[in-house]
Amino acid sequence: MPQLNPNPWFYIMAFSWMIFLAVILPMVLVYHFPNDPSMLDPKSTNTQPWAWPWS
C-alpha cells in the first residue's frame, strides 16, 4: 500500500511547514493595519441617543 509509506510525503510536509514558519509567518506578524482603532480619541466621538419612531 503506497499510502502507508510516509517517505516522500513527510519530507514534503516538513519542508512546506519550514517555508511557512521561516518566510510567511514573519511577514504576517510584522503587518500593521493602516487604520489602527486604538489611535482614536474616545472622547472625540459625540453620539446622540436614537429616537425610535415607534416608542
C-alpha atoms as a PDB file:
ATOM      1  CA  MET A   1       0.000   0.000   0.000  1.00  0.00           C
ATOM      2  CA  PRO A   2       1.668   3.238  -1.074  1.00  0.00           C
ATOM      3  CA  GLN A   3      -0.491   5.340   1.270  1.00  0.00           C
ATOM      4  CA  LEU A   4       1.298   3.883   4.293  1.00  0.00           C
ATOM      5  CA  ASN A   5       4.741   4.830   3.008  1.00  0.00           C
ATOM      6  CA  PRO A   6       5.464   8.241   4.591  1.00  0.00           C
ATOM      7  CA  ASN A   7       8.873   8.534   2.958  1.00  0.00           C
ATOM      8  CA  PRO A   8       8.250  11.277   0.340  1.00  0.00           C
ATOM      9  CA  TRP A   9       5.155  12.867   1.886  1.00  0.00           C
ATOM     10  CA  PHE A  10       6.595  13.545   5.305  1.00  0.00           C
ATOM     11  CA  TYR A  11       9.519  15.480   3.812  1.00  0.00           C
ATOM     12  CA  ILE A  12       7.199  17.471   1.570  1.00  0.00           C
ATOM     13  CA  MET A  13       5.021  18.383   4.559  1.00  0.00           C
ATOM     14  CA  ALA A  14       8.022  19.229   6.754  1.00  0.00           C
ATOM     15  CA  PHE A  15       9.585  21.356   4.018  1.00  0.00           C
ATOM     16  CA  SER A  16       6.353  23.252   3.390  1.00  0.00           C
ATOM     17  CA  TRP A  17       5.965  23.963   7.125  1.00  0.00           C
ATOM     18  CA  MET A  18       9.561  25.183   7.276  1.00  0.00           C
ATOM     19  CA  ILE A  19       8.818  27.590   4.431  1.00  0.00           C
ATOM     20  CA  PHE A  20       5.668  28.738   6.199  1.00  0.00           C
ATOM     21  CA  LEU A  21       7.423  29.293   9.530  1.00  0.00           C
ATOM     22  CA  ALA A  22      10.532  30.930   8.068  1.00  0.00           C
ATOM     23  CA  VAL A  23       9.061  33.133   5.336  1.00  0.00           C
ATOM     24  CA  ILE A  24       5.327  33.702   5.575  1.00  0.00           C
ATOM     25  CA  LEU A  25       4.816  33.854   9.344  1.00  0.00           C
ATOM     26  CA  PRO A  26       7.277  36.743   9.998  1.00  0.00           C
ATOM     27  CA  MET A  27       5.689  38.714   7.158  1.00  0.00           C
ATOM     28  CA  VAL A  28       2.258  38.272   8.732  1.00  0.00           C
ATOM     29  CA  LEU A  29       3.460  39.163  12.220  1.00  0.00           C
ATOM     30  CA  VAL A  30       5.017  42.498  11.196  1.00  0.00           C
ATOM     31  CA  TYR A  31       1.927  43.631   9.261  1.00  0.00           C
ATOM     32  CA  HIS A  32       0.472  46.913  10.511  1.00  0.00           C
ATOM     33  CA  PHE A  33      -3.112  47.867   9.875  1.00  0.00           C
ATOM     34  CA  PRO A  34      -3.410  51.279   8.195  1.00  0.00           C
ATOM     35  CA  ASN A  35      -6.254  52.481  10.420  1.00  0.00           C
ATOM     36  CA  ASP A  36      -5.478  51.384  13.955  1.00  0.00           C
ATOM     37  CA  PRO A  37      -8.624  51.825  16.078  1.00  0.00           C
ATOM     38  CA  SER A  38      -6.595  52.283  19.256  1.00  0.00           C
ATOM     39  CA  MET A  39      -5.260  55.586  17.894  1.00  0.00           C
ATOM     40  CA  LEU A  40      -8.691  57.235  18.029  1.00  0.00           C
ATOM     41  CA  ASP A  41      -9.593  59.507  20.902  1.00  0.00           C
ATOM     42  CA  PRO A  42     -12.640  58.022  22.682  1.00  0.00           C
ATOM     43  CA  LYS A  43     -13.824  61.473  23.817  1.00  0.00           C
ATOM     44  CA  SER A  44     -13.923  62.860  20.272  1.00  0.00           C
ATOM     45  CA  THR A  45     -16.907  60.757  19.269  1.00  0.00           C
ATOM     46  CA  ASN A  46     -20.153  62.538  20.009  1.00  0.00           C
ATOM     47  CA  THR A  47     -23.027  60.085  19.997  1.00  0.00           C
ATOM     48  CA  GLN A  48     -26.644  61.080  20.381  1.00  0.00           C
ATOM     49  CA  PRO A  49     -29.451  58.802  21.574  1.00  0.00           C
ATOM     50  CA  TRP A  50     -31.544  57.430  18.772  1.00  0.00           C
ATOM     51  CA  ALA A  51     -35.222  58.359  18.842  1.00  0.00           C
ATOM     52  CA  TRP A  52     -37.101  55.289  17.731  1.00  0.00           C
ATOM     53  CA  PRO A  53     -40.255  56.167  15.776  1.00  0.00           C
ATOM     54  CA  TRP A  54     -42.420  53.506  17.417  1.00  0.00           C
ATOM     55  CA  SER A  55     -41.627  54.315  21.041  1.00  0.00           C
END
